[in-house]
Amino acid sequence: MAPDPPVPSSEDVAAPALGSLLTPPTEAPPRRAPPPSPTRLPSAATAELTPHAAFLGRRHFASLDGLRALAILAVVWHHTAGGPGRFGANLFFLLSGFLVTTILVRERARKGTIDVLGFRARRARRLYPLYFTVLAGYVGLVALLEPAGAARDDFFAHLAAFASFTSNLFVELGGERTIFYFAWSLAAQEQFYLLWPWLLKRASARACAAGLMALLSAVYLARAGALDLVLPADAFARTLLLSLMPALGLGALLALALNARRGFEWAHRMLGSRRASSVLLLLALLIWRTGRVPEPLMHLVLTALTAACVLREDHLLARLLRHSAVVHVSTVSYGVYLLHMLCHNAVERGLARFGGGLELLDFALTTILAVLVATLSHRHFERRFLAPEKRAQRA
């Protein structure tokens, strides 16, 4: 990039040209150009953007596509090859909280308010058509193929909770088998986004951040058992409190922090090196496979990883996270999430004739099939419900 032209100083503007000194004063001297307003922001042609200004002007965080793809692959891995399942779900929650909150606070900065109903309408157009189509498909499959028993009866008993995005509150997930159980994560997000945009619209960013930190503290204390006397196990208030996913709140808190200049500058000092993203990803994967590390530490590392990927565009993982194949998986990740268990069941039945010990093959075939089906869904079904500018984007 060519260097910007030097900006003339006030002395340069005020000094008369040599020609005017030699010309007799028969005419009024030319008017001096007014000095630039001190409150006027420098343009890109006259000044380099600060890292925070560049961050605020960025409309798309390309590296987060790669993190979203990694999250959905971790979810599929958990449901096929087994092992701890905290990595994928927590990363999904964190990315969602960060991106949605960033969109909302920028809308408020740009328009002076937040169109909450517009936000809800856009979200419904993106999520609801496929969700309710898949739920209807499950109803048909369970009615036709599922033998009589507890799993079948429980599914139909829980149908209202699945349809109202309240399964995380009213469906017990600790049983041997719960059909459509993965809806709990979407329910947790929908409940959070019913209230969070209204708070961002009516309260200051500082007040929202303080309230969110207080709520997260209560959730972590409840998870650690420190609030058992106040919130007994059978209390619905405890269920409500624990329905808040900490990673979702941490993502929102990260967005508020980076939107503020001081918060961004502090994070940039801590996590702004090019190597930070790769180191944090390796640490997150190590924690994921260990299983014995406290979950709050996983949340902290994933929050730092997300920050490192958006603080600067040229971090070491940028090329990998922006690869076209990775971006494609990210684009169809919602469909993969809703459809991967159906694909897994089909693959599992096909592999059953070959015996056990085929978890890696199960993961690979389930992933390929789920991405293929989700791609078809995105291109030929989901995009029909999107806004025209979104509809033009190809999966």
Protein backbone atom coordinates (compact mmCIF):
# COMPACT_ATOMS: atom_id res chain seq x y z
CA MET A 1 0.00 0.00 0.00
CA ALA A 2 1.36 3.38 -0.97
CA PRO A 3 2.00 5.76 1.93
CA ASP A 4 -0.63 8.42 2.52
CA PRO A 5 0.19 11.93 1.26
CA PRO A 6 1.48 14.24 3.97
CA VAL A 7 -1.21 16.30 5.64
CA PRO A 8 -0.46 20.02 5.48
CA SER A 9 -0.02 21.62 8.85
CA SER A 10 -1.84 24.75 9.99
CA GLU A 11 1.34 26.75 9.36
CA ASP A 12 1.41 25.57 5.75
CA VAL A 13 -2.20 26.61 5.21
CA ALA A 14 -1.70 30.05 6.80
CA ALA A 15 1.52 31.02 4.96
CA PRO A 16 0.94 33.23 1.85
CA ALA A 17 2.21 32.02 -1.48
CA LEU A 18 5.32 33.67 -2.97
CA GLY A 19 3.31 35.10 -5.90
CA SER A 20 1.04 37.05 -3.59
CA LEU A 21 4.07 38.75 -1.99
CA LEU A 22 5.22 40.05 -5.38
CA THR A 23 1.78 41.21 -6.58
CA PRO A 24 0.69 44.78 -5.77
CA PRO A 25 -2.22 44.83 -3.34
CA THR A 26 -4.71 46.10 -5.89
CA GLU A 27 -7.15 43.29 -5.02
CA ALA A 28 -8.25 41.83 -1.77
CA PRO A 29 -5.97 39.02 -0.66
CA PRO A 30 -7.37 35.53 -1.16
CA ARG A 31 -9.31 34.10 1.77
CA ARG A 32 -7.44 31.62 3.87
CA ALA A 33 -8.77 28.09 4.04
CA PRO A 34 -10.31 27.42 7.43
CA PRO A 35 -8.39 25.00 9.63
CA PRO A 36 -9.83 21.52 9.88
CA SER A 37 -12.36 20.98 12.64
CA PRO A 38 -10.74 19.30 15.65
CA THR A 39 -13.77 17.03 16.08
CA ARG A 40 -13.71 15.76 12.52
CA LEU A 41 -12.38 12.25 12.10
CA PRO A 42 -9.49 11.86 9.64
CA SER A 43 -10.38 10.11 6.43
CA ALA A 44 -8.73 6.91 5.25
CA ALA A 45 -6.88 8.96 2.62
CA THR A 46 -5.19 11.18 5.21
CA ALA A 47 -4.62 8.93 8.20
CA GLU A 48 -4.01 5.30 9.03
CA LEU A 49 -6.86 3.58 10.87
CA THR A 50 -6.13 2.51 14.40
CA PRO A 51 -6.57 -1.23 15.09
CA HIS A 52 -9.78 -0.48 16.99
CA ALA A 53 -11.17 1.66 14.16
CA ALA A 54 -10.31 -1.10 11.69
CA PHE A 55 -12.09 -3.61 13.93
CA LEU A 56 -15.21 -1.44 14.14
CA GLY A 57 -15.22 -1.04 10.37
CA ARG A 58 -14.92 -4.74 9.64
CA ARG A 59 -18.24 -6.17 8.49
CA HIS A 60 -17.21 -9.81 8.36
CA PHE A 61 -14.88 -11.74 10.66
CA ALA A 62 -13.65 -14.31 8.19
CA SER A 63 -11.72 -16.44 10.68
CA LEU A 64 -14.85 -17.12 12.70
CA ASP A 65 -16.18 -19.14 9.75
CA GLY A 66 -13.35 -21.57 10.36
CA LEU A 67 -14.04 -21.73 14.09
CA ARG A 68 -17.70 -22.47 13.39
CA ALA A 69 -16.72 -25.30 11.06
CA LEU A 70 -14.41 -26.66 13.75
CA ALA A 71 -17.26 -26.50 16.26
CA ILE A 72 -19.68 -28.51 14.13
CA LEU A 73 -17.02 -31.12 13.36
CA ALA A 74 -16.38 -31.46 17.09
CA VAL A 75 -20.11 -32.00 17.68
CA VAL A 76 -20.28 -34.71 15.01
CA TRP A 77 -17.14 -36.30 16.46
CA HIS A 78 -18.72 -36.42 19.91
CA HIS A 79 -21.87 -38.12 18.62
CA THR A 80 -20.01 -40.67 16.48
CA ALA A 81 -16.54 -41.35 17.85
CA GLY A 82 -17.41 -40.42 21.43
CA GLY A 83 -15.32 -38.56 23.98
CA PRO A 84 -15.96 -35.26 25.76
CA GLY A 85 -18.55 -33.07 24.09
CA ARG A 86 -17.82 -29.71 25.63
CA PHE A 87 -15.67 -28.20 22.91
CA GLY A 88 -18.12 -27.98 19.99
CA ALA A 89 -21.19 -26.82 21.91
CA ASN A 90 -19.28 -24.22 23.92
CA LEU A 91 -17.56 -22.83 20.83
CA PHE A 92 -20.92 -22.58 19.05
CA PHE A 93 -22.42 -20.68 21.99
CA LEU A 94 -19.46 -18.35 22.23
CA LEU A 95 -19.42 -17.48 18.53
CA SER A 96 -23.17 -16.89 18.57
CA GLY A 97 -23.00 -14.56 21.57
CA PHE A 98 -20.12 -12.60 20.10
CA LEU A 99 -21.53 -12.19 16.59
CA VAL A 100 -25.11 -11.39 17.56
CA THR A 101 -24.06 -8.89 20.21
CA THR A 102 -21.60 -7.24 17.82
CA ILE A 103 -24.35 -6.82 15.24
CA LEU A 104 -26.74 -5.35 17.80
CA VAL A 105 -24.34 -2.86 19.41
CA ARG A 106 -23.20 -1.65 15.99
CA GLU A 107 -26.81 -1.19 14.94
CA ARG A 108 -27.41 0.92 18.04
CA ALA A 109 -24.28 2.99 17.35
CA ARG A 110 -25.36 3.53 13.75
CA LYS A 111 -29.09 4.17 14.22
CA GLY A 112 -29.35 5.20 17.86
CA THR A 113 -31.60 2.24 18.63
CA ILE A 114 -32.04 -1.49 17.98
CA ASP A 115 -34.87 -2.88 15.89
CA VAL A 116 -35.59 -5.85 18.14
CA LEU A 117 -38.59 -7.03 16.16
CA GLY A 118 -36.55 -6.85 12.96
CA PHE A 119 -33.82 -8.89 14.63
CA ARG A 120 -36.35 -11.50 15.73
CA ALA A 121 -37.85 -11.64 12.22
CA ARG A 122 -34.43 -12.16 10.59
CA ARG A 123 -33.58 -14.85 13.10
CA ALA A 124 -36.90 -16.63 12.52
CA ARG A 125 -36.40 -16.58 8.75
CA ARG A 126 -32.97 -18.13 9.14
CA LEU A 127 -33.67 -20.76 11.80
CA TYR A 128 -37.31 -21.72 11.94
CA PRO A 129 -38.06 -23.18 8.48
CA LEU A 130 -35.43 -25.92 8.67
CA TYR A 131 -35.94 -26.50 12.39
CA PHE A 132 -39.67 -27.17 12.13
CA THR A 133 -39.23 -29.15 8.91
CA VAL A 134 -36.72 -31.46 10.60
CA LEU A 135 -38.97 -31.70 13.67
CA ALA A 136 -41.89 -32.71 11.44
CA GLY A 137 -39.63 -35.27 9.78
CA TYR A 138 -38.77 -36.73 13.16
CA VAL A 139 -42.48 -36.96 14.00
CA GLY A 140 -43.06 -39.03 10.87
CA LEU A 141 -40.01 -41.21 11.34
CA VAL A 142 -40.72 -41.91 15.00
CA ALA A 143 -44.36 -42.71 14.24
CA LEU A 144 -43.40 -45.12 11.45
CA LEU A 145 -40.11 -46.67 12.57
CA GLU A 146 -39.69 -46.33 16.33
CA PRO A 147 -40.98 -49.39 18.22
CA ALA A 148 -43.31 -48.92 21.14
CA GLY A 149 -41.45 -48.03 24.30
CA ALA A 150 -40.23 -45.26 26.55
CA ALA A 151 -38.22 -43.42 23.87
CA ARG A 152 -41.21 -43.20 21.53
CA ASP A 153 -43.63 -42.17 24.27
CA ASP A 154 -41.24 -39.56 25.66
CA PHE A 155 -40.68 -38.01 22.25
CA PHE A 156 -44.38 -37.37 21.69
CA ALA A 157 -44.80 -36.22 25.29
CA HIS A 158 -41.98 -33.69 24.79
CA LEU A 159 -43.17 -32.50 21.37
CA ALA A 160 -44.62 -29.25 22.77
CA ALA A 161 -41.30 -28.44 24.44
CA PHE A 162 -39.41 -29.09 21.21
CA ALA A 163 -41.83 -26.90 19.24
CA SER A 164 -41.65 -24.02 21.77
CA PHE A 165 -37.85 -24.03 22.24
CA THR A 166 -38.16 -24.98 25.92
CA SER A 167 -36.71 -28.48 25.84
CA ASN A 168 -33.74 -27.36 27.95
CA LEU A 169 -36.21 -26.57 30.74
CA PHE A 170 -38.69 -29.44 30.51
CA VAL A 171 -36.93 -32.40 28.87
CA GLU A 172 -34.70 -34.60 30.99
CA LEU A 173 -31.54 -35.30 29.03
CA GLY A 174 -29.93 -37.68 31.49
CA GLY A 175 -31.91 -40.72 30.39
CA GLU A 176 -30.69 -43.62 28.31
CA ARG A 177 -32.09 -42.26 25.03
CA THR A 178 -33.85 -39.00 24.20
CA ILE A 179 -34.93 -38.53 20.59
CA PHE A 180 -34.30 -35.00 19.25
CA TYR A 181 -32.37 -34.13 22.41
CA PHE A 182 -29.96 -31.82 20.51
CA ALA A 183 -32.74 -29.20 20.42
CA TRP A 184 -31.68 -28.14 23.92
CA SER A 185 -28.88 -25.93 22.59
CA LEU A 186 -31.16 -24.09 20.18
CA ALA A 187 -33.66 -23.60 22.99
CA ALA A 188 -30.98 -22.07 25.21
CA GLN A 189 -30.03 -19.62 22.47
CA GLU A 190 -33.61 -18.64 21.64
CA GLN A 191 -34.38 -17.88 25.30
CA PHE A 192 -31.24 -15.75 25.62
CA TYR A 193 -32.06 -13.78 22.49
CA LEU A 194 -35.62 -13.10 23.63
CA LEU A 195 -34.26 -10.84 26.39
CA TRP A 196 -30.74 -9.79 25.46
CA PRO A 197 -31.60 -7.45 22.53
CA TRP A 198 -34.18 -5.63 24.65
CA LEU A 199 -31.58 -5.05 27.38
CA LEU A 200 -29.02 -3.79 24.87
CA LYS A 201 -31.61 -1.42 23.46
CA ARG A 202 -32.69 0.09 26.79
CA ALA A 203 -29.54 0.04 28.92
CA SER A 204 -26.01 1.29 28.46
CA ALA A 205 -23.29 -1.09 27.34
CA ARG A 206 -21.60 -0.73 30.72
CA ALA A 207 -24.80 -1.64 32.57
CA CYS A 208 -25.40 -4.62 30.29
CA ALA A 209 -21.83 -5.84 30.84
CA ALA A 210 -22.14 -5.48 34.62
CA GLY A 211 -25.44 -7.33 34.68
CA LEU A 212 -24.06 -10.07 32.48
CA MET A 213 -21.00 -10.53 34.72
CA ALA A 214 -23.24 -10.79 37.78
CA LEU A 215 -25.43 -13.37 36.07
CA LEU A 216 -22.43 -15.41 34.90
CA SER A 217 -21.03 -15.39 38.43
CA ALA A 218 -24.32 -16.77 39.73
CA VAL A 219 -24.34 -19.50 37.06
CA TYR A 220 -20.80 -20.60 37.85
CA LEU A 221 -21.54 -20.62 41.59
CA ALA A 222 -24.69 -22.68 41.02
CA ARG A 223 -22.78 -25.15 38.83
CA ALA A 224 -20.16 -25.50 41.57
CA GLY A 225 -22.84 -26.22 44.19
CA ALA A 226 -22.27 -23.00 46.14
CA LEU A 227 -25.95 -22.00 45.87
CA ASP A 228 -27.50 -25.34 46.83
CA LEU A 229 -29.00 -23.96 50.05
CA VAL A 230 -30.62 -21.06 48.23
CA LEU A 231 -31.57 -22.98 45.09
CA PRO A 232 -32.42 -26.63 45.86
CA ALA A 233 -32.17 -29.19 43.11
CA ASP A 234 -35.93 -29.35 42.48
CA ALA A 235 -36.42 -25.56 42.30
CA PHE A 236 -37.49 -24.22 38.91
CA ALA A 237 -35.47 -21.06 39.61
CA ARG A 238 -32.36 -23.23 39.66
CA THR A 239 -33.34 -24.76 36.32
CA LEU A 240 -33.82 -21.29 34.86
CA LEU A 241 -30.46 -20.10 36.13
CA LEU A 242 -28.62 -23.15 34.84
CA SER A 243 -30.34 -22.85 31.47
CA LEU A 244 -28.05 -19.92 30.72
CA MET A 245 -25.00 -21.26 28.91
CA PRO A 246 -21.92 -19.41 30.23
CA ALA A 247 -20.16 -19.51 26.85
CA LEU A 248 -23.10 -17.66 25.30
CA GLY A 249 -22.82 -14.89 27.88
CA LEU A 250 -19.03 -14.78 27.57
CA GLY A 251 -19.33 -14.29 23.83
CA ALA A 252 -21.69 -11.36 24.39
CA LEU A 253 -19.36 -9.94 27.03
CA LEU A 254 -16.40 -10.21 24.65
CA ALA A 255 -18.35 -8.28 22.00
CA LEU A 256 -19.10 -5.48 24.47
CA ALA A 257 -15.47 -5.34 25.60
CA LEU A 258 -14.01 -5.18 22.09
CA ASN A 259 -16.55 -2.59 21.01
CA ALA A 260 -15.13 -0.22 23.64
CA ARG A 261 -11.77 1.35 22.83
CA ARG A 262 -10.17 0.63 26.21
CA GLY A 263 -11.37 -2.95 26.22
CA PHE A 264 -10.08 -3.51 22.70
CA GLU A 265 -6.69 -1.99 23.49
CA TRP A 266 -6.30 -4.16 26.60
CA ALA A 267 -7.25 -7.30 24.66
CA HIS A 268 -4.93 -6.32 21.83
CA ARG A 269 -2.01 -6.05 24.23
CA MET A 270 -2.77 -9.49 25.69
CA LEU A 271 -3.82 -11.44 22.58
CA GLY A 272 -2.80 -9.36 19.58
CA SER A 273 0.24 -11.34 18.47
CA ARG A 274 0.08 -13.41 15.29
CA ARG A 275 0.88 -16.61 17.22
CA ALA A 276 -1.86 -16.22 19.83
CA SER A 277 -4.60 -17.93 17.81
CA SER A 278 -2.55 -21.07 17.07
CA VAL A 279 -1.36 -21.43 20.66
CA LEU A 280 -4.87 -21.00 22.04
CA LEU A 281 -6.37 -23.47 19.58
CA LEU A 282 -3.83 -26.13 20.55
CA LEU A 283 -4.56 -25.45 24.21
CA ALA A 284 -8.32 -25.69 23.61
CA LEU A 285 -7.95 -29.02 21.79
CA LEU A 286 -5.77 -30.35 24.59
CA ILE A 287 -8.35 -29.33 27.20
CA TRP A 288 -11.11 -30.87 25.09
CA ARG A 289 -9.44 -34.26 24.90
CA THR A 290 -8.34 -34.22 28.54
CA GLY A 291 -11.86 -34.13 29.97
CA ARG A 292 -10.73 -33.51 33.55
CA VAL A 293 -10.05 -29.79 33.17
CA PRO A 294 -12.74 -27.60 34.79
CA GLU A 295 -15.20 -26.26 32.24
CA PRO A 296 -14.66 -22.59 33.22
CA LEU A 297 -11.07 -22.94 32.00
CA MET A 298 -12.36 -24.26 28.68
CA HIS A 299 -14.67 -21.23 28.45
CA LEU A 300 -11.79 -18.87 29.18
CA VAL A 301 -9.54 -20.42 26.52
CA LEU A 302 -12.28 -20.42 23.87
CA THR A 303 -13.08 -16.78 24.65
CA ALA A 304 -9.42 -15.86 24.24
CA LEU A 305 -9.24 -17.89 21.01
CA THR A 306 -12.21 -16.02 19.55
CA ALA A 307 -10.67 -12.71 20.54
CA ALA A 308 -7.32 -13.60 18.98
CA CYS A 309 -9.06 -14.44 15.70
CA VAL A 310 -10.87 -11.09 15.44
CA LEU A 311 -8.29 -8.70 16.87
CA ARG A 312 -6.20 -8.95 13.72
CA GLU A 313 -6.82 -10.42 10.29
CA ASP A 314 -3.29 -11.76 9.70
CA HIS A 315 -2.95 -14.24 12.57
CA LEU A 316 -1.25 -17.55 11.88
CA LEU A 317 -4.45 -19.58 11.53
CA ALA A 318 -6.11 -17.12 9.15
CA ARG A 319 -5.31 -18.98 5.91
CA LEU A 320 -6.53 -22.32 7.28
CA LEU A 321 -9.71 -20.89 8.81
CA ARG A 322 -10.58 -19.09 5.56
CA HIS A 323 -10.04 -22.05 3.24
CA SER A 324 -12.98 -22.42 0.87
CA ALA A 325 -13.82 -25.96 2.04
CA VAL A 326 -13.77 -24.86 5.67
CA VAL A 327 -15.95 -21.84 4.91
CA HIS A 328 -18.43 -24.08 3.10
CA VAL A 329 -18.78 -26.36 6.12
CA SER A 330 -19.36 -23.26 8.23
CA THR A 331 -22.03 -21.96 5.83
CA VAL A 332 -24.07 -25.17 6.10
CA SER A 333 -23.24 -25.87 9.75
CA TYR A 334 -26.79 -25.21 10.95
CA GLY A 335 -28.14 -27.86 8.63
CA VAL A 336 -25.35 -30.22 9.64
CA TYR A 337 -26.30 -29.76 13.29
CA LEU A 338 -29.99 -30.52 12.73
CA LEU A 339 -29.47 -33.39 10.29
CA HIS A 340 -26.30 -35.12 11.44
CA MET A 341 -28.04 -37.53 13.85
CA LEU A 342 -30.27 -38.82 11.05
CA CYS A 343 -27.15 -39.27 8.91
CA HIS A 344 -25.34 -40.94 11.80
CA ASN A 345 -28.18 -43.40 12.33
CA ALA A 346 -28.15 -44.29 8.62
CA VAL A 347 -24.37 -44.75 8.58
CA GLU A 348 -24.44 -46.74 11.81
CA ARG A 349 -26.95 -49.19 10.39
CA GLY A 350 -24.83 -49.62 7.30
CA LEU A 351 -21.69 -50.26 9.33
CA ALA A 352 -23.39 -52.65 11.75
CA ARG A 353 -22.84 -55.57 9.38
CA PHE A 354 -19.07 -55.05 9.61
CA GLY A 355 -18.92 -55.28 13.41
CA GLY A 356 -17.69 -52.71 15.92
CA GLY A 357 -14.58 -50.58 16.23
CA LEU A 358 -15.40 -48.37 13.25
CA GLU A 359 -15.88 -45.07 15.06
CA LEU A 360 -13.48 -43.13 12.86
CA LEU A 361 -15.17 -44.40 9.71
CA ASP A 362 -18.52 -43.58 11.27
CA PHE A 363 -17.35 -40.01 11.90
CA ALA A 364 -15.97 -39.59 8.38
CA LEU A 365 -19.03 -41.01 6.59
CA THR A 366 -21.49 -39.17 8.84
CA THR A 367 -19.65 -35.89 8.24
CA ILE A 368 -19.59 -36.33 4.46
CA LEU A 369 -23.26 -37.33 4.31
CA ALA A 370 -24.37 -34.55 6.67
CA VAL A 371 -22.47 -31.86 4.76
CA LEU A 372 -23.92 -33.12 1.48
CA VAL A 373 -27.50 -33.15 2.75
CA ALA A 374 -27.05 -29.79 4.50
CA THR A 375 -25.65 -28.28 1.30
CA LEU A 376 -28.71 -29.38 -0.65
CA SER A 377 -30.95 -28.05 2.10
CA HIS A 378 -29.20 -24.68 2.15
CA ARG A 379 -29.23 -24.20 -1.62
CA HIS A 380 -32.71 -25.44 -2.41
CA PHE A 381 -34.71 -24.87 0.77
CA GLU A 382 -33.28 -22.58 3.45
CA ARG A 383 -32.28 -19.75 1.10
CA ARG A 384 -35.89 -19.38 -0.06
CA PHE A 385 -36.70 -17.79 3.30
CA LEU A 386 -33.74 -15.41 3.49
CA ALA A 387 -33.62 -11.73 2.60
CA PRO A 388 -32.71 -11.08 -1.06
CA GLU A 389 -29.17 -9.93 -0.26
CA LYS A 390 -28.56 -13.09 1.76
CA ARG A 391 -30.26 -15.26 -0.81
CA ALA A 392 -27.72 -14.23 -3.40
CA GLN A 393 -24.88 -15.78 -1.41
CA ARG A 394 -24.12 -19.28 -2.66
CA ALA A 395 -23.30 -22.15 -0.34
